[in-house]
Amino acid sequence: MPADLPDDSAARTDATNSSAAGAPTADRDLPVAFVTGGTRGIGLAIARRLATDGHAVAVGSRSKPDDLDSNLLWVECDVADGQSIDQAFAAIESELGAPTVVVANAGITRDMLVLRMKEQDFADVVNANLTGSFRVAKRSVKAMMKARWGRIIFVSSVVGSIGQAGQANYSASKAGLVGLGRSLAREFASRGITVNLVAPGPIETDMLSAVADETVEAMKAAVPVGRIGRPDEVAAAVAFLASADAGYITGTTVAVDGGLGMGGS
């Protein structure tokens, strides 16, 4: 099977110390959402969809893009650094209020075959993608418990269930999110907090545009629906899981992969 495209294309921009910038006018009556890795790719599509659906939205990354939508609050946030996450949440709480919808999308890739992969390459990817999501969820849940309502959504990947040569670290980190999500779902269900995942397959992103045409065609051939997915399709799944309509859904992984991962657990 062709190499998997990372599902969290916002990942490479993600993460360090936190300060708010370019804050939109705060409306304390709006529900607040926070999307890590939310300044491009899938993360930005999710942020835009949540804003369209009526949320006040903050996005986190290591650096602020020059052309970020004016209705999104940017905070500097490194998911590999607990102090940075605390500062990011403090900035959001000050500007918008406490988030009750949190989308852990940020992550990194260091793709290579295992024989060439250093232990640090494995550890760094797991720290950012899996442990980083744990840090974000842990920091967010106290306000949700107080509100007795919340939505935590992890962005996993099809390779978390089917694997991929050259992505042992990335696949392991994304598979780990499933166990983390299900455990948190059981812990917090009685508090009105749901925890779910989306698992994208190959998606049209900046990363995909840098891939050779023949590789993209091979990806399309491997996907039963015969095409590459769009970021807005992932965002639509996240928006549903973030909504009141999804209150009876928790501990679930929604595949947005054109059928690529059918049969995976």
Protein backbone atom coordinates (compact mmCIF):
# COMPACT_ATOMS: atom_id res chain seq x y z
CA MET A 1 0.00 0.00 0.00
CA PRO A 2 1.33 3.48 -0.73
CA ALA A 3 2.72 5.62 2.06
CA ASP A 4 0.09 7.25 4.22
CA LEU A 5 -0.17 11.02 4.24
CA PRO A 6 -0.20 12.39 7.80
CA ASP A 7 -3.79 13.21 8.67
CA ASP A 8 -2.84 16.21 10.77
CA SER A 9 -1.18 18.50 8.27
CA ALA A 10 -1.31 21.31 10.80
CA ALA A 11 1.11 19.24 12.82
CA ARG A 12 4.36 20.69 11.62
CA THR A 13 3.32 24.17 12.69
CA ASP A 14 2.23 22.99 16.09
CA ALA A 15 3.29 23.91 19.41
CA THR A 16 5.40 26.19 22.21
CA ASN A 17 4.57 28.72 25.09
CA SER A 18 1.39 30.54 24.89
CA SER A 19 0.14 34.05 24.30
CA ALA A 20 -2.96 35.25 22.53
CA ALA A 21 -2.70 37.38 19.43
CA GLY A 22 -5.12 38.76 16.91
CA ALA A 23 -8.02 38.11 19.24
CA PRO A 24 -11.48 38.41 17.73
CA THR A 25 -14.08 40.39 19.61
CA ALA A 26 -15.12 38.12 22.46
CA ASP A 27 -18.75 37.06 22.74
CA ARG A 28 -19.11 35.32 26.07
CA ASP A 29 -22.43 33.85 25.00
CA LEU A 30 -20.81 31.66 22.35
CA PRO A 31 -19.51 28.17 23.19
CA VAL A 32 -15.71 28.10 23.03
CA ALA A 33 -13.69 25.63 21.00
CA PHE A 34 -9.93 25.08 20.89
CA VAL A 35 -8.19 23.31 18.00
CA THR A 36 -4.52 22.43 18.37
CA GLY A 37 -2.58 22.44 15.12
CA GLY A 38 -5.39 24.65 13.86
CA THR A 39 -3.62 27.08 11.56
CA ARG A 40 -3.60 25.06 8.34
CA GLY A 41 -4.75 21.89 6.65
CA ILE A 42 -7.22 19.71 8.50
CA GLY A 43 -6.92 21.72 11.69
CA LEU A 44 -7.80 24.99 9.99
CA ALA A 45 -10.75 23.36 8.22
CA ILE A 46 -12.02 22.14 11.60
CA ALA A 47 -11.59 25.58 13.16
CA ARG A 48 -13.46 27.26 10.31
CA ARG A 49 -16.30 24.76 10.47
CA LEU A 50 -16.70 25.17 14.23
CA ALA A 51 -16.71 28.96 13.81
CA THR A 52 -19.38 28.64 11.12
CA ASP A 53 -21.40 26.48 13.49
CA GLY A 54 -21.42 29.23 16.10
CA HIS A 55 -18.38 28.66 18.28
CA ALA A 56 -15.82 31.19 19.40
CA VAL A 57 -12.70 29.39 18.18
CA ALA A 58 -9.07 29.49 19.30
CA VAL A 59 -6.32 27.76 17.35
CA GLY A 60 -2.90 26.77 18.63
CA SER A 61 0.43 26.42 16.85
CA ARG A 62 4.09 27.25 17.34
CA SER A 63 3.98 30.27 15.07
CA LYS A 64 1.22 32.57 13.93
CA PRO A 65 0.51 32.59 10.19
CA ASP A 66 0.31 35.97 8.47
CA ASP A 67 -3.10 35.30 6.95
CA LEU A 68 -5.08 33.68 9.75
CA ASP A 69 -8.83 34.26 9.60
CA SER A 70 -9.77 37.34 11.59
CA ASN A 71 -12.48 35.50 13.52
CA LEU A 72 -10.02 32.96 14.98
CA LEU A 73 -8.01 33.58 18.12
CA TRP A 74 -4.42 32.40 17.80
CA VAL A 75 -2.47 31.18 20.82
CA GLU A 76 1.08 29.91 20.87
CA CYS A 77 0.98 26.31 22.05
CA ASP A 78 3.51 23.51 22.17
CA VAL A 79 1.72 20.23 22.87
CA ALA A 80 5.03 18.70 23.92
CA ASP A 81 5.30 21.22 26.77
CA GLY A 82 2.80 21.15 29.62
CA GLN A 83 3.59 24.70 30.72
CA SER A 84 2.95 25.97 27.20
CA ILE A 85 -0.42 24.21 27.16
CA ASP A 86 -1.34 25.79 30.51
CA GLN A 87 -0.44 29.23 29.16
CA ALA A 88 -2.46 28.63 25.99
CA PHE A 89 -5.56 27.68 27.95
CA ALA A 90 -5.09 30.65 30.28
CA ALA A 91 -4.97 32.98 27.28
CA ILE A 92 -8.12 31.43 25.77
CA GLU A 93 -9.97 31.58 29.08
CA SER A 94 -9.05 35.24 29.43
CA GLU A 95 -10.10 36.22 25.90
CA LEU A 96 -13.04 33.91 25.17
CA GLY A 97 -13.86 31.77 28.18
CA ALA A 98 -13.10 28.15 29.01
CA PRO A 99 -13.28 25.79 26.01
CA THR A 100 -15.95 23.12 26.18
CA VAL A 101 -15.00 21.71 22.78
CA VAL A 102 -11.36 20.67 22.38
CA VAL A 103 -9.93 19.10 19.25
CA ALA A 104 -6.47 17.56 19.69
CA ASN A 105 -5.20 17.66 16.12
CA ALA A 106 -1.56 18.66 16.56
CA GLY A 107 1.21 16.21 15.88
CA ILE A 108 4.44 15.52 14.01
CA THR A 109 5.89 12.90 11.68
CA ARG A 110 9.39 11.48 11.36
CA ASP A 111 8.90 8.83 8.72
CA MET A 112 11.60 6.24 8.10
CA LEU A 113 12.08 2.50 8.22
CA VAL A 114 12.59 1.03 11.67
CA LEU A 115 16.16 -0.03 10.92
CA ARG A 116 17.00 3.64 10.37
CA MET A 117 14.77 5.04 13.10
CA LYS A 118 16.48 6.22 16.26
CA GLU A 119 14.79 5.70 19.59
CA GLN A 120 14.50 9.46 19.93
CA ASP A 121 12.61 9.64 16.62
CA PHE A 122 10.09 7.19 18.01
CA ALA A 123 9.86 8.89 21.40
CA ASP A 124 9.45 12.40 19.99
CA VAL A 125 6.54 11.43 17.75
CA VAL A 126 4.76 9.57 20.55
CA ASN A 127 5.38 12.50 22.92
CA ALA A 128 3.84 15.03 20.54
CA ASN A 129 1.01 12.99 19.08
CA LEU A 130 -0.11 10.79 21.97
CA THR A 131 1.21 12.33 25.17
CA GLY A 132 0.53 15.81 23.80
CA SER A 133 -3.12 14.90 23.27
CA PHE A 134 -3.25 13.53 26.82
CA ARG A 135 -1.85 16.82 28.14
CA VAL A 136 -4.41 18.87 26.22
CA ALA A 137 -7.32 16.68 27.30
CA LYS A 138 -6.25 16.71 30.95
CA ARG A 139 -5.93 20.49 30.98
CA SER A 140 -9.32 20.98 29.35
CA VAL A 141 -11.47 18.60 31.32
CA LYS A 142 -11.76 20.46 34.64
CA ALA A 143 -13.77 23.30 33.09
CA MET A 144 -15.91 20.77 31.26
CA MET A 145 -16.60 18.91 34.50
CA LYS A 146 -17.65 22.18 36.11
CA ALA A 147 -19.97 22.88 33.18
CA ARG A 148 -21.12 19.24 33.15
CA TRP A 149 -20.80 19.34 29.37
CA GLY A 150 -17.87 18.88 27.05
CA ARG A 151 -16.54 17.41 23.84
CA ILE A 152 -13.00 16.09 23.43
CA ILE A 153 -12.07 14.91 19.95
CA PHE A 154 -8.76 13.31 19.04
CA VAL A 155 -7.55 13.30 15.44
CA SER A 156 -6.12 9.84 14.84
CA SER A 157 -5.34 8.26 11.44
CA VAL A 158 -6.19 5.26 9.30
CA VAL A 159 -2.63 4.04 9.84
CA GLY A 160 -3.39 3.70 13.54
CA SER A 161 -5.51 0.67 12.68
CA ILE A 162 -3.91 -0.77 9.53
CA GLY A 163 -0.26 0.22 10.01
CA GLN A 164 2.15 1.59 7.44
CA ALA A 165 5.74 0.75 6.53
CA GLY A 166 8.01 3.65 7.41
CA GLN A 167 5.57 5.04 9.97
CA ALA A 168 5.98 2.77 12.99
CA ASN A 169 6.28 5.74 15.35
CA TYR A 170 3.38 7.67 13.80
CA SER A 171 1.13 4.59 13.57
CA ALA A 172 1.83 3.66 17.18
CA SER A 173 1.03 7.18 18.38
CA LYS A 174 -2.25 7.27 16.46
CA ALA A 175 -3.25 3.78 17.61
CA GLY A 176 -2.55 4.83 21.18
CA LEU A 177 -5.07 7.63 20.86
CA VAL A 178 -7.83 5.05 20.50
CA GLY A 179 -7.06 3.47 23.88
CA LEU A 180 -6.64 6.90 25.45
CA GLY A 181 -9.92 8.14 24.02
CA ARG A 182 -11.89 5.10 25.13
CA SER A 183 -10.44 5.29 28.64
CA LEU A 184 -11.28 8.97 28.99
CA ALA A 185 -14.74 8.32 27.57
CA ARG A 186 -15.40 5.87 30.39
CA GLU A 187 -13.98 8.20 33.03
CA PHE A 188 -15.98 11.28 32.10
CA ALA A 189 -19.24 10.01 30.60
CA SER A 190 -21.15 10.58 33.85
CA ARG A 191 -20.10 14.25 33.76
CA GLY A 192 -21.69 14.95 30.39
CA ILE A 193 -18.34 14.84 28.58
CA THR A 194 -17.92 12.74 25.46
CA VAL A 195 -14.56 11.66 24.04
CA ASN A 196 -14.34 10.49 20.43
CA LEU A 197 -11.89 10.22 17.57
CA VAL A 198 -11.79 10.81 13.85
CA ALA A 199 -9.39 8.76 11.74
CA PRO A 200 -8.68 10.39 8.37
CA GLY A 201 -7.14 8.63 5.41
CA PRO A 202 -5.22 10.46 2.66
CA ILE A 203 -6.47 14.05 2.60
CA GLU A 204 -5.80 16.98 0.25
CA THR A 205 -3.28 19.09 2.15
CA ASP A 206 -0.05 21.01 1.55
CA MET A 207 1.82 17.80 2.27
CA LEU A 208 -0.08 15.93 -0.39
CA SER A 209 0.68 18.60 -2.97
CA ALA A 210 4.39 17.87 -2.52
CA VAL A 211 3.95 14.16 -3.28
CA ALA A 212 4.73 12.80 -6.74
CA ASP A 213 1.71 12.41 -9.03
CA GLU A 214 2.23 8.67 -9.41
CA THR A 215 2.17 8.25 -5.62
CA VAL A 216 -1.07 10.19 -5.38
CA GLU A 217 -2.59 8.01 -8.09
CA ALA A 218 -1.52 4.89 -6.19
CA MET A 219 -3.22 6.29 -3.08
CA LYS A 220 -6.43 6.89 -5.01
CA ALA A 221 -6.32 3.32 -6.30
CA ALA A 222 -6.02 1.99 -2.75
CA VAL A 223 -9.07 3.95 -1.53
CA PRO A 224 -12.35 2.16 -2.30
CA VAL A 225 -14.18 5.39 -3.19
CA GLY A 226 -11.39 6.15 -5.65
CA ARG A 227 -10.34 9.63 -4.59
CA ILE A 228 -8.44 11.63 -2.01
CA GLY A 229 -10.48 13.16 0.81
CA ARG A 230 -10.95 16.86 1.55
CA PRO A 231 -10.20 18.65 4.84
CA ASP A 232 -13.78 19.88 5.03
CA GLU A 233 -15.00 16.27 5.06
CA VAL A 234 -12.94 15.60 8.18
CA ALA A 235 -14.17 18.89 9.65
CA ALA A 236 -17.79 17.84 9.08
CA ALA A 237 -17.25 14.67 11.13
CA VAL A 238 -15.61 16.64 13.92
CA ALA A 239 -18.42 19.21 13.88
CA PHE A 240 -20.99 16.47 14.37
CA LEU A 241 -19.08 14.89 17.25
CA ALA A 242 -18.78 18.37 18.81
CA SER A 243 -22.52 18.99 18.60
CA ALA A 244 -25.35 18.37 21.05
CA ASP A 245 -26.71 15.81 18.57
CA ALA A 246 -23.74 13.53 19.37
CA GLY A 247 -24.44 13.37 23.10
CA TYR A 248 -25.07 9.61 23.03
CA ILE A 249 -21.84 8.86 21.15
CA THR A 250 -18.64 8.40 23.11
CA GLY A 251 -15.53 6.22 22.86
CA THR A 252 -16.05 5.91 19.11
CA THR A 253 -13.68 6.31 16.18
CA VAL A 254 -15.21 7.78 13.03
CA ALA A 255 -13.22 6.79 9.95
CA VAL A 256 -13.04 9.48 7.26
CA ASP A 257 -10.94 7.49 4.83
CA GLY A 258 -13.05 6.49 1.84
CA GLY A 259 -13.15 2.92 3.10
CA LEU A 260 -9.36 2.48 3.18
CA GLY A 261 -9.33 1.19 6.74
CA MET A 262 -12.27 -1.22 6.52
CA GLY A 263 -11.61 -4.18 8.76
CA GLY A 264 -9.26 -2.27 11.05
CA SER A 265 -10.14 -2.15 14.75
